[in-house]
Each structure stands twice: as structure tokens, then as C-alpha cells.
Amino acid sequence: MLSSPTPFTPPTTEEDRLDWLRLIRSRRVGPSTFQRLIAEHGTAAAALDALPGIAGAAGIDSYTPCPRDTVLRERDAAARAGAVMLCLGAPDYPPALAGIPDAPPVLWAVGRRELGQRPAVALVGARNASSLGQRMARKLAEGLGEHGFVLVSGLARGVDAVAHTATLTTGTIAVLAGGVDILYPTENAPLGTDIGHQGLRISEQPMGLQPQARHFPRRNRLISGLSRAVVVVEAAEGSGSLITARDALDQGREVLAVPGHPLDARAAGCNALIRDGARLIRDVADILEALETPLQLQLESPAVSPPAHRAPPPAAAPRPARAPDALGLHRQILDRLGPSPLAEDQLIRDLALPAATLAPAILFLELDGRIERQPGGLLARI
């Protein structure tokens, strides 16, 4: 059961919005501190005036709130990127996210903001996902989209990218760890651009901020906060996906996990979640059952499909796949394989490389004792 959003009066003028941005960008002011300051002082402008005295009383000398010029530059950068500011309490702010205790006072959004108003499910997992993991992620994401859910993930490699790609036309939200205008990793920049046209990108970080390691755990709470449930597909112990799962539990969301082979380290986190009480997921019907959503729920709302006036951008001409070097090719093959056998022809299709290129590399890894060939044309990683 999602908590109800806390009543919060959003800014109504451009000057008020700039004050909100100044306050949240001020040093040592996070979402919880922001809300406390507004509650105590009434407005962001009054809180900004009080901040130096508050800091001085706490032993911090020469405290200066975020300068106005700084937020003016951020506003201009947002305009160039096509980003819109969403303020906590405003009608276009995602209602599910507004209900978490540390909801960001300000979000930057690029794309179809109405997607934030719809029921959503997060799907996260390994960056080095196996072929089986990627196929499962795609199947679950497509099923959720077909049943009217928006897909939420983090635009990372592997499971995230597969899930976003599968739901571009039914509704997908990418939550970024850096600025909403910084598409990271760079290999997913084309996908991020497509999401900006057909889906929604959001971030609480300043425009132009390059993501760093400390930003990702904060990003993960937004992924779970936007969603009714978090589905984990392949996650090693200690991975960021498990941080998202913990955030989901703290926020009262469902945590669901796809089981994996006990010898595959990429499944260790999922198996541990199931051991500790997460619901085991085999297909989209299991997710709908966990959410108590009837299977009959289909794409009944016109909001599910992209607006008729917004045609998808023309597809770029396909680029021929370029064969990686030998070490890179070996790594790609090993990343796609796990202890669970995979058909060789499926591996070839997943890697989108000629069979003549892959055959020598597969033979090398087999002779090197890193993969084994099983009856029926199946391959498994040792």
C-alpha cells in the first residue's frame, strides 16, 4: 500500500521556483532539511534568509546560501535541454514519489510528464546480465507494458537498457544519477535520447552534473519510490539492485525477484532476496498477482499509448555490427553465459555477430576450460 503524499504547497511564480531551487542547492540542505525549513519558515525565501543564522548557531561560520546566479544558469541549461521543473506538491509531480519521506522538492523532467501519473513497476538487475537474464527482463517488461504499467529503471547497461528498450512505446521512465541532460553510460545515450522523445527522463540533480558513485544510491530510492513494486532480475550480492530493493521495503513497496542458478554469482542477490521473503517471479502473471491486478487489465486508457500527435522519431539506419577484438569477444561470450545452458544459436543471435566470427572464440573458451558444450548444441559457463 503506497503512502499518501504529504500536503505541500508548491511555488506559484517564477521567483518562488528560483527560491526553491536556491534552497535545495544550498550546502547541507537535502530533501528532509528542505521540508523542515519550509515548515518552520513558511517560504523558501524566508528559509534562505534564515539559513546563515541557523548555520552560525550550529557552529558553521560564513555560511552563504546558493547564489541566485547559479540557479539562473541551471534554469537556462534546463531550457536548452528541454527540461521542465517539477515541484513537490504540484499536479504534475509524480504522486507515488511524493509519498516517500525524502521526496525531492525539485525534479527536472524531459519527455512525457504524464507517465509519472500512471501506475509503475521498477525492473532492475545486473549490468553484465546473461542472455537468459536479458531475455527474462525483456519478457517481463513487455508484459507489464501490455497490462498498462509504466516501466521504471535506471538507464544502466544490461537489464535496465533491455527493459527500457522493450517499453519505449508503452511507457518507460529512466531515473538518472547525474543531471537529466547527462546520458550515462555513453553507450546508452541513443536510448536515453529516445526515452526523452517517447518516454520520460527525470533527475533530482543539477543540470550538467556528471554522475559519481555516491549519486547512485540516492537515485535508487527514486526508482523504487516511483513504483508499486521492484522486480529484480539477476543481481550479485552487494549490488546496487539490492539497495533499490531495500529502499522499496523501507517505502512499503513490494519486492519481487527472479530466481537463478545457485552457481551463478549474478543470481546470488535474487536468491538471497527470495530466501529472505521476497516473492518468487516466473512470469508477468506472478507480478500481477503480487500487485492484486487482474490479468484482464489491458491497454484501456488512452494515456497508455503515445499521443497520436507525437510520432516516434525516424529510426536511424542500422549500423553493421563490428567484431570486437579477441579479448573483448571472449568477455562478451562469458558475460552472456552462465551455469544454466544456453543454445549456441541463441548466443549468436544475442551477440548479433557472424557465426564464423564467434565459432573460433567459442572453441578457444571451450579448450581453455571456461565453457563446456552440452548435448543439443547447448553451452554453459564453468
Protein backbone atom coordinates (compact mmCIF):
# COMPACT_ATOMS: atom_id res chain seq x y z
CA MET A 1 0.00 0.00 0.00
CA LEU A 2 1.54 3.31 -1.07
CA SER A 3 1.50 6.11 1.44
CA SER A 4 -0.46 9.26 0.63
CA PRO A 5 1.54 12.31 -0.42
CA THR A 6 2.19 14.79 2.38
CA PRO A 7 0.38 18.10 1.70
CA PHE A 8 2.95 20.54 0.42
CA THR A 9 2.28 23.93 -1.17
CA PRO A 10 4.30 24.26 -4.39
CA PRO A 11 5.69 27.56 -5.68
CA THR A 12 3.37 29.54 -7.94
CA THR A 13 5.66 32.16 -9.51
CA GLU A 14 8.97 32.02 -11.36
CA GLU A 15 10.67 33.84 -8.47
CA ASP A 16 9.29 31.29 -6.00
CA ARG A 17 10.60 28.44 -8.15
CA LEU A 18 14.05 30.01 -8.24
CA ASP A 19 13.97 30.32 -4.44
CA TRP A 20 13.08 26.63 -4.16
CA LEU A 21 15.97 25.77 -6.43
CA ARG A 22 18.34 28.00 -4.44
CA LEU A 23 17.26 26.38 -1.17
CA ILE A 24 17.68 22.76 -2.30
CA ARG A 25 21.01 23.60 -3.97
CA SER A 26 22.34 25.26 -0.82
CA ARG A 27 25.13 23.46 1.02
CA ARG A 28 23.98 20.83 3.55
CA VAL A 29 20.31 21.18 2.57
CA GLY A 30 18.80 17.86 1.48
CA PRO A 31 15.14 16.95 0.91
CA SER A 32 14.34 16.36 4.59
CA THR A 33 16.07 19.56 5.71
CA PHE A 34 14.32 21.46 2.90
CA GLN A 35 10.89 20.32 4.10
CA ARG A 36 11.69 21.16 7.72
CA LEU A 37 12.88 24.66 6.75
CA ILE A 38 9.73 25.31 4.71
CA ALA A 39 7.56 24.05 7.57
CA GLU A 40 9.35 26.35 10.04
CA HIS A 41 9.66 29.48 7.89
CA GLY A 42 6.73 29.26 5.52
CA THR A 43 8.51 30.08 2.26
CA ALA A 44 11.79 29.27 0.58
CA ALA A 45 12.69 32.98 0.53
CA ALA A 46 12.28 33.20 4.32
CA ALA A 47 14.26 29.99 4.79
CA LEU A 48 17.10 31.35 2.65
CA ASP A 49 17.21 34.50 4.80
CA ALA A 50 17.32 32.38 7.97
CA LEU A 51 19.96 29.88 6.78
CA PRO A 52 23.12 31.87 7.68
CA GLY A 53 21.85 32.34 11.25
CA ILE A 54 20.86 28.68 11.55
CA ALA A 55 24.29 27.63 10.27
CA GLY A 56 26.04 30.04 12.63
CA ALA A 57 24.15 28.64 15.61
CA ALA A 58 25.36 25.17 14.53
CA GLY A 59 28.97 26.38 14.51
CA ILE A 60 29.30 26.88 10.75
CA ASP A 61 30.77 30.31 10.12
CA SER A 62 30.44 32.39 6.93
CA TYR A 63 27.60 30.25 5.53
CA THR A 64 26.17 31.54 2.25
CA PRO A 65 23.11 30.03 0.54
CA CYS A 66 23.30 29.05 -3.11
CA PRO A 67 23.74 32.26 -5.19
CA ARG A 68 20.91 33.35 -7.45
CA ASP A 69 23.22 33.45 -10.48
CA THR A 70 23.91 29.73 -10.02
CA VAL A 71 20.26 28.75 -10.28
CA LEU A 72 19.71 31.15 -13.17
CA ARG A 73 22.41 29.30 -15.09
CA GLU A 74 20.77 25.99 -14.16
CA ARG A 75 17.39 27.25 -15.35
CA ASP A 76 18.88 28.34 -18.67
CA ALA A 77 20.64 24.99 -19.10
CA ALA A 78 17.34 23.23 -18.44
CA ALA A 79 15.62 25.32 -21.10
CA ARG A 80 18.30 24.37 -23.64
CA ALA A 81 17.84 20.68 -22.78
CA GLY A 82 14.04 20.85 -22.95
CA ALA A 83 13.75 20.04 -19.23
CA VAL A 84 10.82 21.14 -17.09
CA MET A 85 10.96 21.71 -13.33
CA LEU A 86 8.54 19.59 -11.28
CA CYS A 87 7.98 20.84 -7.73
CA LEU A 88 6.75 18.72 -4.83
CA GLY A 89 3.02 19.29 -4.34
CA ALA A 90 2.36 20.41 -7.91
CA PRO A 91 -0.18 18.48 -10.04
CA ASP A 92 2.48 17.24 -12.49
CA TYR A 93 4.77 15.86 -9.73
CA PRO A 94 4.62 12.02 -9.67
CA PRO A 95 2.15 11.20 -6.85
CA ALA A 96 3.80 7.91 -5.86
CA LEU A 97 7.15 9.66 -5.40
CA ALA A 98 5.55 12.47 -3.40
CA GLY A 99 4.62 9.91 -0.75
CA ILE A 100 8.16 8.92 0.28
CA PRO A 101 9.66 10.65 3.34
CA ASP A 102 12.59 12.24 1.48
CA ALA A 103 10.84 13.13 -1.79
CA PRO A 104 12.95 15.56 -3.85
CA PRO A 105 11.50 19.08 -3.64
CA VAL A 106 12.58 19.64 -7.25
CA LEU A 107 12.85 17.27 -10.20
CA TRP A 108 13.97 18.03 -13.73
CA ALA A 109 11.97 16.13 -16.36
CA VAL A 110 12.47 15.60 -20.09
CA GLY A 111 9.72 13.92 -22.10
CA ARG A 112 6.15 12.81 -21.41
CA ARG A 113 5.43 14.03 -17.89
CA GLU A 114 2.04 12.31 -17.83
CA LEU A 115 3.86 8.97 -17.48
CA GLY A 116 4.69 9.94 -13.90
CA GLN A 117 0.97 9.90 -13.09
CA ARG A 118 0.42 6.28 -14.10
CA PRO A 119 0.92 3.07 -12.07
CA ALA A 120 4.52 1.92 -12.45
CA VAL A 121 6.71 -1.08 -11.73
CA ALA A 122 10.51 -0.93 -11.47
CA LEU A 123 12.69 -3.55 -13.11
CA VAL A 124 16.38 -3.60 -12.18
CA GLY A 125 19.27 -6.04 -12.39
CA ALA A 126 22.80 -6.84 -13.41
CA ARG A 127 24.79 -4.67 -15.78
CA ASN A 128 26.56 -7.80 -17.07
CA ALA A 129 23.31 -9.73 -17.39
CA SER A 130 23.38 -13.12 -19.06
CA SER A 131 21.42 -13.86 -22.22
CA LEU A 132 18.81 -15.66 -20.13
CA GLY A 133 18.59 -12.70 -17.75
CA GLN A 134 18.19 -10.23 -20.59
CA ARG A 135 15.52 -12.35 -22.26
CA MET A 136 13.63 -12.60 -18.96
CA ALA A 137 13.88 -8.84 -18.41
CA ARG A 138 12.54 -8.18 -21.90
CA LYS A 139 9.65 -10.62 -21.45
CA LEU A 140 8.63 -9.14 -18.09
CA ALA A 141 8.95 -5.54 -19.28
CA GLU A 142 6.87 -6.19 -22.39
CA GLY A 143 4.22 -7.96 -20.32
CA LEU A 144 3.99 -5.10 -17.84
CA GLY A 145 3.65 -2.61 -20.67
CA GLU A 146 0.90 -4.65 -22.28
CA HIS A 147 -1.01 -4.61 -18.99
CA GLY A 148 -0.87 -0.85 -18.65
CA PHE A 149 2.11 -0.33 -16.33
CA VAL A 150 4.89 2.17 -16.85
CA LEU A 151 8.36 0.62 -16.57
CA VAL A 152 10.89 2.38 -14.30
CA SER A 153 14.63 1.73 -14.37
CA GLY A 154 17.99 3.48 -14.28
CA LEU A 155 19.34 3.52 -17.88
CA ALA A 156 22.29 1.32 -16.85
CA ARG A 157 23.81 -1.38 -19.02
CA GLY A 158 22.25 -4.84 -19.10
CA VAL A 159 18.83 -5.34 -17.54
CA ASP A 160 17.96 -1.61 -17.34
CA ALA A 161 18.67 -0.98 -21.02
CA VAL A 162 16.75 -4.08 -22.13
CA ALA A 163 13.72 -3.10 -20.02
CA HIS A 164 13.67 0.49 -21.29
CA THR A 165 14.01 -0.61 -24.91
CA ALA A 166 11.13 -3.08 -24.54
CA THR A 167 8.77 -0.39 -23.20
CA LEU A 168 9.53 2.67 -25.31
CA THR A 169 6.08 2.57 -26.91
CA THR A 170 4.07 1.54 -23.83
CA GLY A 171 5.70 3.86 -21.28
CA THR A 172 9.15 3.96 -19.69
CA ILE A 173 10.81 6.24 -17.12
CA ALA A 174 14.59 6.50 -16.78
CA VAL A 175 15.82 7.88 -13.44
CA LEU A 176 19.30 9.35 -13.84
CA ALA A 177 22.03 9.60 -11.19
CA GLY A 178 23.52 12.74 -12.76
CA GLY A 179 21.89 15.68 -14.48
CA VAL A 180 18.86 14.92 -16.61
CA ASP A 181 20.87 16.19 -19.58
CA ILE A 182 23.79 13.80 -18.95
CA LEU A 183 23.15 10.44 -20.63
CA TYR A 184 25.28 7.88 -18.79
CA PRO A 185 26.72 5.47 -19.71
CA THR A 186 27.58 6.94 -23.11
CA GLU A 187 26.76 3.67 -24.88
CA ASN A 188 23.14 4.18 -23.80
CA ALA A 189 23.00 7.80 -24.99
CA PRO A 190 20.91 6.93 -28.10
CA LEU A 191 18.46 5.03 -25.89
CA GLY A 192 18.35 7.95 -23.45
CA THR A 193 17.57 10.30 -26.32
CA ASP A 194 14.73 8.03 -27.47
CA ILE A 195 13.35 7.97 -23.92
CA GLY A 196 13.36 11.77 -23.91
CA HIS A 197 11.14 11.69 -27.03
CA GLN A 198 8.88 8.72 -26.29
CA GLY A 199 9.20 8.19 -22.53
CA LEU A 200 10.37 10.27 -19.58
CA ARG A 201 13.78 11.05 -18.06
CA ILE A 202 13.95 12.52 -14.57
CA SER A 203 16.64 13.55 -12.09
CA GLU A 204 16.87 15.48 -8.83
CA GLN A 205 20.46 16.53 -9.56
CA PRO A 206 21.60 19.87 -11.02
CA MET A 207 21.74 20.18 -14.77
CA GLY A 208 25.10 19.15 -16.22
CA LEU A 209 26.18 17.10 -13.17
CA GLN A 210 28.35 14.12 -14.12
CA PRO A 211 27.26 11.10 -12.05
CA GLN A 212 29.63 9.78 -9.41
CA ALA A 213 29.43 6.62 -7.29
CA ARG A 214 27.79 8.39 -4.34
CA HIS A 215 24.90 9.58 -6.51
CA PHE A 216 23.59 6.12 -7.46
CA PRO A 217 22.22 5.00 -4.05
CA ARG A 218 20.28 8.29 -3.86
CA ARG A 219 18.99 7.69 -7.40
CA ASN A 220 17.85 4.18 -6.46
CA ARG A 221 15.35 5.44 -3.85
CA LEU A 222 13.61 7.37 -6.63
CA ILE A 223 13.34 4.26 -8.81
CA SER A 224 11.54 2.41 -6.02
CA GLY A 225 9.62 5.49 -4.91
CA LEU A 226 8.02 5.91 -8.33
CA SER A 227 6.89 2.28 -8.39
CA ARG A 228 4.32 -0.01 -6.83
CA ALA A 229 6.85 -2.85 -6.85
CA VAL A 230 10.50 -3.54 -7.63
CA VAL A 231 11.36 -6.61 -9.69
CA VAL A 232 14.99 -7.77 -9.51
CA VAL A 233 16.39 -9.83 -12.42
CA GLU A 234 19.95 -11.08 -11.79
CA ALA A 235 21.76 -9.23 -9.03
CA ALA A 236 25.02 -10.11 -7.34
CA GLU A 237 25.30 -9.83 -3.58
CA GLY A 238 26.06 -6.24 -2.62
CA SER A 239 24.86 -4.84 -5.95
CA GLY A 240 23.01 -1.57 -6.46
CA SER A 241 19.86 -3.52 -7.32
CA LEU A 242 19.74 -4.79 -3.73
CA ILE A 243 19.98 -1.20 -2.49
CA THR A 244 16.89 -0.45 -4.59
CA ALA A 245 15.17 -3.50 -3.05
CA ARG A 246 15.98 -2.27 0.47
CA ASP A 247 14.64 1.19 -0.42
CA ALA A 248 11.47 -0.46 -1.71
CA LEU A 249 10.94 -2.27 1.59
CA ASP A 250 11.50 0.95 3.55
CA GLN A 251 8.93 2.70 1.33
CA GLY A 252 6.32 -0.04 1.69
CA ARG A 253 6.69 -1.34 -1.87
CA GLU A 254 6.57 -4.97 -2.98
CA VAL A 255 9.92 -6.67 -3.64
CA LEU A 256 9.87 -9.41 -6.27
CA ALA A 257 12.80 -11.46 -7.56
CA VAL A 258 13.55 -13.85 -10.41
CA PRO A 259 15.43 -16.93 -9.16
CA GLY A 260 18.67 -18.02 -10.77
CA HIS A 261 21.15 -20.86 -10.82
CA PRO A 262 22.86 -21.26 -7.41
CA LEU A 263 26.31 -21.35 -9.04
CA ASP A 264 25.81 -18.10 -10.98
CA ALA A 265 27.08 -15.14 -8.92
CA ARG A 266 24.73 -12.87 -10.86
CA ALA A 267 21.78 -14.68 -9.26
CA ALA A 268 23.10 -14.68 -5.68
CA GLY A 269 21.33 -11.47 -4.73
CA CYS A 270 17.98 -12.58 -6.17
CA ASN A 271 18.18 -15.96 -4.49
CA ALA A 272 19.01 -14.26 -1.18
CA LEU A 273 16.02 -11.93 -1.55
CA ILE A 274 13.73 -14.92 -2.12
CA ARG A 275 15.26 -16.73 0.87
CA ASP A 276 14.54 -13.66 2.99
CA GLY A 277 10.89 -13.39 1.93
CA ALA A 278 10.71 -11.71 -1.48
CA ARG A 279 8.11 -13.18 -3.81
CA LEU A 280 9.49 -15.53 -6.48
CA ILE A 281 8.66 -14.38 -10.01
CA ARG A 282 8.39 -16.71 -13.01
CA ASP A 283 6.40 -14.53 -15.41
CA VAL A 284 4.34 -11.35 -15.61
CA ALA A 285 1.29 -13.16 -14.21
CA ASP A 286 3.20 -13.59 -10.93
CA ILE A 287 3.85 -9.82 -10.82
CA LEU A 288 0.19 -9.02 -11.47
CA GLU A 289 -0.83 -11.46 -8.76
CA ALA A 290 1.56 -9.82 -6.29
CA LEU A 291 0.01 -6.44 -7.13
CA GLU A 292 -3.50 -7.93 -6.97
CA THR A 293 -4.05 -6.72 -10.53
CA PRO A 294 -6.46 -8.74 -12.69
CA LEU A 295 -4.98 -10.28 -15.82
CA GLN A 296 -7.86 -8.71 -17.75
CA LEU A 297 -6.37 -5.23 -17.27
CA GLN A 298 -5.26 -4.25 -20.76
CA LEU A 299 -4.40 -1.04 -22.57
CA GLU A 300 -7.78 0.57 -21.91
CA SER A 301 -6.59 4.07 -21.05
CA PRO A 302 -5.70 6.33 -23.97
CA ALA A 303 -2.78 7.55 -21.85
CA VAL A 304 -1.11 4.18 -22.24
CA SER A 305 -0.19 4.75 -25.87
CA PRO A 306 1.94 7.68 -27.02
CA PRO A 307 -0.20 10.66 -28.08
CA ALA A 308 -1.24 10.49 -31.71
CA HIS A 309 0.36 13.85 -32.46
CA ARG A 310 3.75 12.68 -31.16
CA ALA A 311 5.16 10.42 -33.81
CA PRO A 312 8.29 8.47 -32.83
CA PRO A 313 11.47 9.88 -34.35
CA PRO A 314 12.52 8.19 -37.56
CA ALA A 315 14.64 5.13 -36.96
CA ALA A 316 18.29 5.54 -37.71
CA ALA A 317 19.73 3.38 -40.40
CA PRO A 318 21.09 0.17 -38.86
CA ARG A 319 24.82 0.13 -38.43
CA PRO A 320 26.68 -3.05 -39.23
CA ALA A 321 27.98 -4.85 -36.16
CA ARG A 322 31.72 -4.52 -35.74
CA ALA A 323 33.53 -7.54 -34.39
CA PRO A 324 35.38 -6.76 -31.13
CA ASP A 325 38.98 -7.80 -30.52
CA ALA A 326 39.63 -11.32 -29.24
CA LEU A 327 39.72 -10.44 -25.54
CA GLY A 328 36.61 -8.31 -25.86
CA LEU A 329 34.81 -11.06 -27.73
CA HIS A 330 35.74 -13.63 -25.09
CA ARG A 331 34.41 -11.31 -22.39
CA GLN A 332 31.13 -10.78 -24.27
CA ILE A 333 30.62 -14.53 -24.65
CA LEU A 334 31.38 -15.23 -20.98
CA ASP A 335 29.10 -12.38 -19.85
CA ARG A 336 26.19 -13.87 -21.78
CA LEU A 337 26.70 -17.40 -20.46
CA GLY A 338 26.01 -18.79 -17.00
CA PRO A 339 25.73 -22.23 -15.38
CA SER A 340 22.29 -22.64 -16.99
CA PRO A 341 22.81 -23.95 -20.54
CA LEU A 342 22.10 -21.66 -23.49
CA ALA A 343 21.65 -22.72 -27.11
CA GLU A 344 24.61 -21.73 -29.27
CA ASP A 345 22.38 -20.30 -31.99
CA GLN A 346 20.64 -18.13 -29.36
CA LEU A 347 24.03 -16.84 -28.22
CA ILE A 348 24.87 -15.95 -31.82
CA ARG A 349 21.58 -14.06 -32.19
CA ASP A 350 22.05 -12.23 -28.88
CA LEU A 351 25.54 -11.04 -29.79
CA ALA A 352 24.47 -10.13 -33.36
CA LEU A 353 27.79 -11.26 -34.81
CA PRO A 354 28.50 -13.70 -37.65
CA ALA A 355 28.73 -17.36 -36.68
CA ALA A 356 32.11 -17.50 -38.45
CA THR A 357 33.40 -14.84 -36.03
CA LEU A 358 32.05 -16.50 -32.91
CA ALA A 359 32.90 -20.14 -33.65
CA PRO A 360 36.69 -19.82 -33.13
CA ALA A 361 36.18 -17.80 -29.93
CA ILE A 362 33.74 -20.37 -28.53
CA LEU A 363 36.18 -23.18 -29.38
CA PHE A 364 39.04 -21.31 -27.67
CA LEU A 365 36.99 -20.82 -24.48
CA GLU A 366 35.94 -24.47 -24.58
CA LEU A 367 39.54 -25.67 -24.89
CA ASP A 368 40.58 -23.21 -22.19
CA GLY A 369 38.14 -24.86 -19.78
CA ARG A 370 35.96 -21.78 -19.32
CA ILE A 371 32.84 -23.04 -21.05
CA GLU A 372 31.51 -26.51 -21.72
CA ARG A 373 29.48 -27.83 -24.62
CA GLN A 374 26.48 -29.96 -23.71
CA PRO A 375 24.25 -32.22 -25.83
CA GLY A 376 21.78 -30.48 -28.11
CA GLY A 377 24.03 -27.57 -29.07
CA LEU A 378 23.97 -26.04 -25.59
CA LEU A 379 26.76 -24.01 -23.96
CA ALA A 380 27.34 -23.29 -20.28
CA ARG A 381 29.92 -21.26 -18.42
CA ILE A 382 32.09 -23.19 -15.98
